[in-house]
Amino acid sequence: MKKLVLLLLLAMPLFSFAQTKPYLSLADAERVTAAAEAKAKAEGWNVVIAILDDGGNLVSLRRMDGVQVGSIEVAQAKAKTAVYFKRSSKIFEDMMKGEGGARIATLPNATAIEGGLPIFKDGILVGAIGVSGVTSAQDGIIADAGVKGY
């Protein structure tokens, strides 16, 4: 009996690893990507769409035809900004334009270009979208369409 109790006590921490908070599944990421891509296609814009989880890890990446290679990393950097700071990368772009904005450039993982948006579920950050390939304002429009598709 003592061995059974001991075994149960030792096994209890294993049960605590169950996912209890909301998270961004691959299906969620694909839905966000599809909504963003639909908006981009409707406007005739070719872009890269990156979806990251709440730890800043890549879940999904779509590079539409003809998009420059550099946009792959830029899209991921915009999404990482949105994850790390729980806000739009546009906020940092706007701060760069203000007095003393150059300080923003020194923040680690802060890409001050519109096109990165956090994704929330039940008020909890679950990931982010980053878009790159056209103007930053157009990237932002596409990212917004993706988040609304979630």
N, C-alpha and C. Protein backbone atom coordinates (compact mmCIF):
# COMPACT_ATOMS: atom_id res chain seq x y z
N MET A 1 0.82 -1.19 0.00
CA MET A 1 0.00 0.00 0.00
C MET A 1 0.87 1.26 0.00
N LYS A 2 1.96 1.24 0.79
CA LYS A 2 2.85 2.40 0.85
C LYS A 2 3.46 2.67 -0.52
N LYS A 3 3.79 1.60 -1.24
CA LYS A 3 4.38 1.76 -2.56
C LYS A 3 3.39 2.39 -3.53
N LEU A 4 2.13 2.02 -3.43
CA LEU A 4 1.10 2.58 -4.30
C LEU A 4 0.92 4.07 -4.02
N VAL A 5 0.86 4.44 -2.78
CA VAL A 5 0.73 5.85 -2.40
C VAL A 5 1.94 6.64 -2.89
N LEU A 6 3.11 6.09 -2.70
CA LEU A 6 4.34 6.74 -3.14
C LEU A 6 4.34 6.91 -4.67
N LEU A 7 3.93 5.89 -5.37
CA LEU A 7 3.86 5.94 -6.82
C LEU A 7 2.88 7.03 -7.29
N LEU A 8 1.74 7.11 -6.64
CA LEU A 8 0.75 8.14 -6.99
C LEU A 8 1.28 9.54 -6.71
N LEU A 9 1.96 9.71 -5.61
CA LEU A 9 2.53 11.02 -5.28
C LEU A 9 3.61 11.43 -6.27
N LEU A 10 4.40 10.47 -6.70
CA LEU A 10 5.45 10.76 -7.68
C LEU A 10 4.87 11.05 -9.06
N ALA A 11 3.76 10.44 -9.38
CA ALA A 11 3.14 10.61 -10.69
C ALA A 11 2.31 11.90 -10.79
N MET A 12 1.90 12.48 -9.68
CA MET A 12 1.04 13.67 -9.70
C MET A 12 1.62 14.83 -10.51
N PRO A 13 2.91 15.14 -10.40
CA PRO A 13 3.43 16.24 -11.20
C PRO A 13 3.29 16.02 -12.70
N LEU A 14 3.27 14.79 -13.14
CA LEU A 14 3.12 14.49 -14.57
C LEU A 14 1.77 14.95 -15.09
N PHE A 15 0.76 14.90 -14.24
CA PHE A 15 -0.58 15.31 -14.65
C PHE A 15 -0.72 16.82 -14.73
N SER A 16 0.17 17.55 -14.11
CA SER A 16 0.08 19.01 -14.11
C SER A 16 0.58 19.63 -15.41
N PHE A 17 1.13 18.82 -16.31
CA PHE A 17 1.62 19.35 -17.57
C PHE A 17 0.52 19.47 -18.63
N ALA A 18 -0.68 19.12 -18.29
CA ALA A 18 -1.78 19.23 -19.25
C ALA A 18 -1.97 20.70 -19.64
N GLN A 19 -2.32 20.93 -20.89
CA GLN A 19 -2.53 22.29 -21.40
C GLN A 19 -3.77 22.88 -20.73
N THR A 20 -3.59 23.92 -19.93
CA THR A 20 -4.72 24.53 -19.24
C THR A 20 -5.01 25.93 -19.73
N LYS A 21 -4.08 26.55 -20.44
CA LYS A 21 -4.32 27.89 -20.96
C LYS A 21 -4.61 27.80 -22.45
N PRO A 22 -5.28 28.82 -22.99
CA PRO A 22 -5.54 28.81 -24.44
C PRO A 22 -4.22 28.83 -25.21
N TYR A 23 -4.23 28.24 -26.38
CA TYR A 23 -3.04 28.23 -27.22
C TYR A 23 -3.46 28.31 -28.68
N LEU A 24 -2.51 28.60 -29.53
CA LEU A 24 -2.73 28.72 -30.97
C LEU A 24 -2.38 27.38 -31.62
N SER A 25 -3.38 26.69 -32.11
CA SER A 25 -3.15 25.40 -32.76
C SER A 25 -2.71 25.63 -34.21
N LEU A 26 -2.24 24.58 -34.85
CA LEU A 26 -1.88 24.67 -36.25
C LEU A 26 -3.11 25.02 -37.08
N ALA A 27 -4.26 24.45 -36.75
CA ALA A 27 -5.50 24.78 -37.46
C ALA A 27 -5.84 26.26 -37.31
N ASP A 28 -5.64 26.81 -36.11
CA ASP A 28 -5.87 28.24 -35.89
C ASP A 28 -4.93 29.07 -36.77
N ALA A 29 -3.66 28.68 -36.77
CA ALA A 29 -2.66 29.41 -37.57
C ALA A 29 -3.00 29.37 -39.05
N GLU A 30 -3.46 28.22 -39.51
CA GLU A 30 -3.83 28.10 -40.93
C GLU A 30 -5.05 28.96 -41.25
N ARG A 31 -5.99 29.07 -40.32
CA ARG A 31 -7.18 29.92 -40.52
C ARG A 31 -6.79 31.39 -40.59
N VAL A 32 -5.91 31.82 -39.70
CA VAL A 32 -5.42 33.20 -39.71
C VAL A 32 -4.68 33.49 -41.01
N THR A 33 -3.82 32.56 -41.41
CA THR A 33 -3.06 32.71 -42.65
C THR A 33 -3.99 32.81 -43.86
N ALA A 34 -5.00 31.95 -43.90
CA ALA A 34 -5.94 31.95 -45.03
C ALA A 34 -6.69 33.28 -45.13
N ALA A 35 -7.11 33.82 -44.00
CA ALA A 35 -7.82 35.09 -44.01
C ALA A 35 -6.90 36.22 -44.48
N ALA A 36 -5.66 36.21 -44.01
CA ALA A 36 -4.69 37.23 -44.43
C ALA A 36 -4.38 37.10 -45.92
N GLU A 37 -4.18 35.87 -46.37
CA GLU A 37 -3.86 35.65 -47.78
C GLU A 37 -5.03 36.06 -48.68
N ALA A 38 -6.25 35.79 -48.25
CA ALA A 38 -7.43 36.18 -49.03
C ALA A 38 -7.47 37.70 -49.21
N LYS A 39 -7.17 38.44 -48.15
CA LYS A 39 -7.15 39.90 -48.23
C LYS A 39 -6.04 40.36 -49.16
N ALA A 40 -4.87 39.76 -49.03
CA ALA A 40 -3.75 40.13 -49.89
C ALA A 40 -4.08 39.88 -51.36
N LYS A 41 -4.67 38.74 -51.66
CA LYS A 41 -5.03 38.41 -53.04
C LYS A 41 -6.10 39.36 -53.57
N ALA A 42 -7.07 39.69 -52.72
CA ALA A 42 -8.14 40.61 -53.13
C ALA A 42 -7.58 41.98 -53.52
N GLU A 43 -6.50 42.37 -52.86
CA GLU A 43 -5.88 43.67 -53.14
C GLU A 43 -4.80 43.59 -54.21
N GLY A 44 -4.44 42.36 -54.60
CA GLY A 44 -3.38 42.19 -55.59
C GLY A 44 -1.98 42.37 -55.01
N TRP A 45 -1.84 42.06 -53.72
CA TRP A 45 -0.56 42.22 -53.02
C TRP A 45 0.02 40.84 -52.71
N ASN A 46 1.27 40.63 -53.04
CA ASN A 46 1.97 39.38 -52.70
C ASN A 46 2.85 39.64 -51.49
N VAL A 47 2.70 38.81 -50.47
CA VAL A 47 3.39 39.02 -49.20
C VAL A 47 3.84 37.70 -48.59
N VAL A 48 4.60 37.84 -47.52
CA VAL A 48 4.93 36.72 -46.65
C VAL A 48 4.09 36.87 -45.39
N ILE A 49 3.49 35.77 -44.94
CA ILE A 49 2.65 35.76 -43.74
C ILE A 49 3.26 34.77 -42.75
N ALA A 50 3.68 35.28 -41.60
CA ALA A 50 4.28 34.44 -40.56
C ALA A 50 3.36 34.41 -39.34
N ILE A 51 3.15 33.23 -38.80
CA ILE A 51 2.36 33.06 -37.59
C ILE A 51 3.27 32.43 -36.53
N LEU A 52 3.37 33.09 -35.37
CA LEU A 52 4.18 32.60 -34.26
C LEU A 52 3.29 32.23 -33.09
N ASP A 53 3.77 31.32 -32.25
CA ASP A 53 3.05 30.99 -31.02
C ASP A 53 3.41 32.00 -29.94
N ASP A 54 2.90 31.81 -28.74
CA ASP A 54 3.11 32.78 -27.66
C ASP A 54 4.55 32.82 -27.14
N GLY A 55 5.39 31.92 -27.60
CA GLY A 55 6.80 31.93 -27.23
C GLY A 55 7.68 32.51 -28.33
N GLY A 56 7.06 32.96 -29.41
CA GLY A 56 7.81 33.53 -30.53
C GLY A 56 8.34 32.48 -31.49
N ASN A 57 7.79 31.26 -31.43
CA ASN A 57 8.23 30.18 -32.31
C ASN A 57 7.34 30.09 -33.54
N LEU A 58 7.94 29.83 -34.67
CA LEU A 58 7.22 29.77 -35.93
C LEU A 58 6.25 28.59 -35.96
N VAL A 59 4.99 28.88 -36.28
CA VAL A 59 3.97 27.85 -36.43
C VAL A 59 3.63 27.67 -37.90
N SER A 60 3.57 28.79 -38.63
CA SER A 60 3.19 28.74 -40.04
C SER A 60 3.88 29.87 -40.79
N LEU A 61 4.29 29.58 -42.02
CA LEU A 61 4.89 30.60 -42.87
C LEU A 61 4.41 30.38 -44.30
N ARG A 62 3.86 31.44 -44.89
CA ARG A 62 3.43 31.36 -46.28
C ARG A 62 4.08 32.49 -47.06
N ARG A 63 4.79 32.13 -48.10
CA ARG A 63 5.41 33.11 -49.00
C ARG A 63 4.69 33.03 -50.33
N MET A 64 3.98 34.08 -50.64
CA MET A 64 3.25 34.13 -51.90
C MET A 64 4.25 34.31 -53.05
N ASP A 65 3.84 33.97 -54.25
CA ASP A 65 4.71 34.03 -55.42
C ASP A 65 5.27 35.44 -55.63
N GLY A 66 6.55 35.50 -55.96
CA GLY A 66 7.17 36.75 -56.35
C GLY A 66 7.63 37.65 -55.22
N VAL A 67 7.46 37.25 -53.99
CA VAL A 67 7.84 38.10 -52.86
C VAL A 67 9.35 37.99 -52.62
N GLN A 68 9.98 39.13 -52.35
CA GLN A 68 11.42 39.13 -52.10
C GLN A 68 11.76 38.28 -50.88
N VAL A 69 12.90 37.65 -50.91
CA VAL A 69 13.34 36.74 -49.86
C VAL A 69 13.46 37.47 -48.52
N GLY A 70 13.87 38.73 -48.53
CA GLY A 70 14.05 39.47 -47.29
C GLY A 70 12.79 39.58 -46.46
N SER A 71 11.62 39.51 -47.11
CA SER A 71 10.36 39.62 -46.38
C SER A 71 10.08 38.44 -45.47
N ILE A 72 10.76 37.33 -45.69
CA ILE A 72 10.57 36.16 -44.83
C ILE A 72 11.00 36.50 -43.40
N GLU A 73 12.19 37.04 -43.27
CA GLU A 73 12.69 37.40 -41.93
C GLU A 73 11.97 38.61 -41.36
N VAL A 74 11.61 39.56 -42.21
CA VAL A 74 10.92 40.76 -41.73
C VAL A 74 9.55 40.40 -41.16
N ALA A 75 8.82 39.53 -41.85
CA ALA A 75 7.50 39.11 -41.36
C ALA A 75 7.62 38.44 -39.99
N GLN A 76 8.63 37.58 -39.84
CA GLN A 76 8.84 36.91 -38.56
C GLN A 76 9.23 37.91 -37.47
N ALA A 77 10.04 38.89 -37.82
CA ALA A 77 10.47 39.90 -36.84
C ALA A 77 9.29 40.75 -36.38
N LYS A 78 8.40 41.10 -37.31
CA LYS A 78 7.21 41.87 -36.94
C LYS A 78 6.33 41.06 -35.99
N ALA A 79 6.14 39.79 -36.30
CA ALA A 79 5.32 38.93 -35.43
C ALA A 79 5.98 38.77 -34.06
N LYS A 80 7.29 38.63 -34.04
CA LYS A 80 8.01 38.47 -32.77
C LYS A 80 7.84 39.72 -31.90
N THR A 81 7.87 40.88 -32.53
CA THR A 81 7.63 42.13 -31.79
C THR A 81 6.26 42.09 -31.14
N ALA A 82 5.26 41.67 -31.89
CA ALA A 82 3.89 41.62 -31.37
C ALA A 82 3.77 40.62 -30.22
N VAL A 83 4.48 39.50 -30.30
CA VAL A 83 4.47 38.51 -29.21
C VAL A 83 5.18 39.05 -27.98
N TYR A 84 6.38 39.54 -28.16
CA TYR A 84 7.20 39.94 -27.02
C TYR A 84 6.64 41.14 -26.27
N PHE A 85 5.97 42.04 -26.99
CA PHE A 85 5.48 43.26 -26.36
C PHE A 85 3.96 43.31 -26.24
N LYS A 86 3.27 42.27 -26.73
CA LYS A 86 1.81 42.17 -26.65
C LYS A 86 1.11 43.38 -27.24
N ARG A 87 1.68 43.89 -28.32
CA ARG A 87 1.05 45.03 -29.00
C ARG A 87 1.51 45.07 -30.45
N SER A 88 0.85 45.89 -31.21
CA SER A 88 1.15 46.03 -32.63
C SER A 88 2.55 46.59 -32.85
N SER A 89 3.21 46.11 -33.89
CA SER A 89 4.52 46.67 -34.24
C SER A 89 4.38 48.11 -34.74
N LYS A 90 3.17 48.50 -35.14
CA LYS A 90 2.93 49.88 -35.59
C LYS A 90 3.16 50.88 -34.46
N ILE A 91 2.88 50.47 -33.25
CA ILE A 91 3.10 51.36 -32.10
C ILE A 91 4.57 51.79 -32.05
N PHE A 92 5.47 50.86 -32.33
CA PHE A 92 6.89 51.17 -32.32
C PHE A 92 7.27 52.05 -33.51
N GLU A 93 6.63 51.80 -34.65
CA GLU A 93 6.87 52.65 -35.82
C GLU A 93 6.46 54.10 -35.51
N ASP A 94 5.30 54.26 -34.88
CA ASP A 94 4.83 55.59 -34.51
C ASP A 94 5.77 56.25 -33.49
N MET A 95 6.27 55.47 -32.55
CA MET A 95 7.20 56.01 -31.55
C MET A 95 8.50 56.48 -32.19
N MET A 96 8.94 55.76 -33.21
CA MET A 96 10.19 56.16 -33.90
C MET A 96 10.06 57.53 -34.54
N LYS A 97 8.85 57.89 -34.94
CA LYS A 97 8.61 59.17 -35.58
C LYS A 97 8.54 60.32 -34.57
N GLY A 98 8.34 59.98 -33.31
CA GLY A 98 8.22 60.99 -32.27
C GLY A 98 9.56 61.43 -31.72
N GLU A 99 9.50 62.44 -30.85
CA GLU A 99 10.70 62.96 -30.22
C GLU A 99 11.35 61.87 -29.38
N GLY A 100 12.62 61.68 -29.56
CA GLY A 100 13.35 60.67 -28.81
C GLY A 100 13.09 59.25 -29.30
N GLY A 101 12.48 59.12 -30.46
CA GLY A 101 12.10 57.81 -30.99
C GLY A 101 13.26 56.89 -31.29
N ALA A 102 14.44 57.45 -31.46
CA ALA A 102 15.60 56.62 -31.79
C ALA A 102 15.89 55.62 -30.67
N ARG A 103 15.44 55.89 -29.47
CA ARG A 103 15.65 54.95 -28.37
C ARG A 103 14.95 53.62 -28.62
N ILE A 104 13.86 53.68 -29.37
CA ILE A 104 13.10 52.46 -29.69
C ILE A 104 13.98 51.48 -30.47
N ALA A 105 14.86 52.01 -31.30
CA ALA A 105 15.74 51.17 -32.11
C ALA A 105 16.68 50.32 -31.26
N THR A 106 16.86 50.69 -30.01
CA THR A 106 17.77 49.94 -29.13
C THR A 106 17.07 48.80 -28.39
N LEU A 107 15.74 48.73 -28.48
CA LEU A 107 15.01 47.67 -27.78
C LEU A 107 15.22 46.33 -28.48
N PRO A 108 15.58 45.30 -27.75
CA PRO A 108 15.73 43.99 -28.38
C PRO A 108 14.38 43.45 -28.85
N ASN A 109 14.37 42.86 -30.01
CA ASN A 109 13.17 42.23 -30.58
C ASN A 109 12.03 43.20 -30.85
N ALA A 110 12.35 44.47 -31.05
CA ALA A 110 11.33 45.46 -31.40
C ALA A 110 11.58 45.92 -32.84
N THR A 111 10.75 45.44 -33.74
CA THR A 111 10.83 45.84 -35.14
C THR A 111 9.79 46.92 -35.34
N ALA A 112 10.26 48.13 -35.59
CA ALA A 112 9.39 49.30 -35.64
C ALA A 112 8.83 49.53 -37.04
N ILE A 113 8.10 48.53 -37.54
CA ILE A 113 7.48 48.60 -38.85
C ILE A 113 6.10 47.97 -38.74
N GLU A 114 5.08 48.65 -39.21
CA GLU A 114 3.72 48.12 -39.15
C GLU A 114 3.62 46.79 -39.89
N GLY A 115 2.76 45.91 -39.37
CA GLY A 115 2.54 44.62 -40.01
C GLY A 115 2.59 43.46 -39.04
N GLY A 116 2.86 43.73 -37.76
CA GLY A 116 2.86 42.69 -36.74
C GLY A 116 1.74 42.94 -35.74
N LEU A 117 0.91 41.93 -35.51
CA LEU A 117 -0.20 42.06 -34.56
C LEU A 117 -0.25 40.86 -33.63
N PRO A 118 -0.53 41.10 -32.35
CA PRO A 118 -0.71 39.98 -31.43
C PRO A 118 -2.05 39.30 -31.69
N ILE A 119 -2.14 38.04 -31.31
CA ILE A 119 -3.39 37.28 -31.41
C ILE A 119 -3.76 36.86 -29.99
N PHE A 120 -4.96 37.25 -29.58
CA PHE A 120 -5.43 36.94 -28.23
C PHE A 120 -6.62 35.99 -28.30
N LYS A 121 -6.71 35.11 -27.29
CA LYS A 121 -7.87 34.23 -27.13
C LYS A 121 -8.28 34.32 -25.67
N ASP A 122 -9.52 34.69 -25.43
CA ASP A 122 -10.02 34.85 -24.07
C ASP A 122 -9.15 35.81 -23.26
N GLY A 123 -8.64 36.85 -23.92
CA GLY A 123 -7.82 37.85 -23.25
C GLY A 123 -6.38 37.43 -23.00
N ILE A 124 -5.99 36.26 -23.47
CA ILE A 124 -4.63 35.74 -23.26
C ILE A 124 -3.90 35.69 -24.59
N LEU A 125 -2.66 36.19 -24.60
CA LEU A 125 -1.85 36.14 -25.81
C LEU A 125 -1.57 34.69 -26.19
N VAL A 126 -1.91 34.34 -27.44
CA VAL A 126 -1.65 32.98 -27.91
C VAL A 126 -0.66 32.96 -29.07
N GLY A 127 -0.36 34.13 -29.63
CA GLY A 127 0.57 34.18 -30.75
C GLY A 127 0.52 35.52 -31.45
N ALA A 128 1.02 35.53 -32.68
CA ALA A 128 1.04 36.78 -33.44
C ALA A 128 1.15 36.48 -34.93
N ILE A 129 0.78 37.48 -35.71
CA ILE A 129 0.93 37.43 -37.15
C ILE A 129 1.89 38.54 -37.56
N GLY A 130 2.73 38.24 -38.54
CA GLY A 130 3.61 39.24 -39.13
C GLY A 130 3.49 39.16 -40.64
N VAL A 131 3.36 40.31 -41.28
CA VAL A 131 3.20 40.36 -42.74
C VAL A 131 4.24 41.31 -43.30
N SER A 132 4.85 40.93 -44.41
CA SER A 132 5.83 41.78 -45.09
C SER A 132 5.77 41.52 -46.59
N GLY A 133 5.97 42.59 -47.34
CA GLY A 133 6.04 42.43 -48.79
C GLY A 133 5.57 43.64 -49.57
N VAL A 134 4.68 44.42 -48.97
CA VAL A 134 4.21 45.65 -49.61
C VAL A 134 4.53 46.81 -48.67
N THR A 135 3.81 47.91 -48.73
CA THR A 135 4.11 48.99 -47.80
C THR A 135 3.74 48.56 -46.39
N SER A 136 4.29 49.22 -45.40
CA SER A 136 3.99 48.82 -44.02
C SER A 136 2.50 48.99 -43.72
N ALA A 137 1.86 50.03 -44.24
CA ALA A 137 0.42 50.22 -44.01
C ALA A 137 -0.38 49.08 -44.65
N GLN A 138 0.01 48.66 -45.84
CA GLN A 138 -0.67 47.55 -46.51
C GLN A 138 -0.42 46.24 -45.76
N ASP A 139 0.80 46.06 -45.27
CA ASP A 139 1.10 44.88 -44.44
C ASP A 139 0.17 44.85 -43.22
N GLY A 140 -0.04 46.01 -42.62
CA GLY A 140 -0.91 46.12 -41.45
C GLY A 140 -2.35 45.76 -41.77
N ILE A 141 -2.84 46.17 -42.93
CA ILE A 141 -4.20 45.85 -43.36
C ILE A 141 -4.36 44.34 -43.50
N ILE A 142 -3.37 43.69 -44.09
CA ILE A 142 -3.41 42.24 -44.28
C ILE A 142 -3.36 41.52 -42.93
N ALA A 143 -2.46 41.97 -42.05
CA ALA A 143 -2.36 41.35 -40.72
C ALA A 143 -3.66 41.48 -39.97
N ASP A 144 -4.30 42.63 -40.06
CA ASP A 144 -5.59 42.85 -39.39
C ASP A 144 -6.65 41.89 -39.92
N ALA A 145 -6.67 41.68 -41.23
CA ALA A 145 -7.63 40.74 -41.82
C ALA A 145 -7.35 39.32 -41.28
N GLY A 146 -6.10 38.98 -41.11
CA GLY A 146 -5.76 37.67 -40.56
C GLY A 146 -6.26 37.49 -39.14
N VAL A 147 -6.02 38.51 -38.30
CA VAL A 147 -6.48 38.42 -36.90
C VAL A 147 -8.00 38.34 -36.86
N LYS A 148 -8.67 39.09 -37.70
CA LYS A 148 -10.14 39.04 -37.72
C LYS A 148 -10.64 37.68 -38.19
N GLY A 149 -9.84 36.95 -38.95
CA GLY A 149 -10.20 35.62 -39.40
C GLY A 149 -10.04 34.56 -38.33
N TYR A 150 -9.43 34.93 -37.23
CA TYR A 150 -9.21 33.99 -36.13
C TYR A 150 -10.50 33.80 -35.37
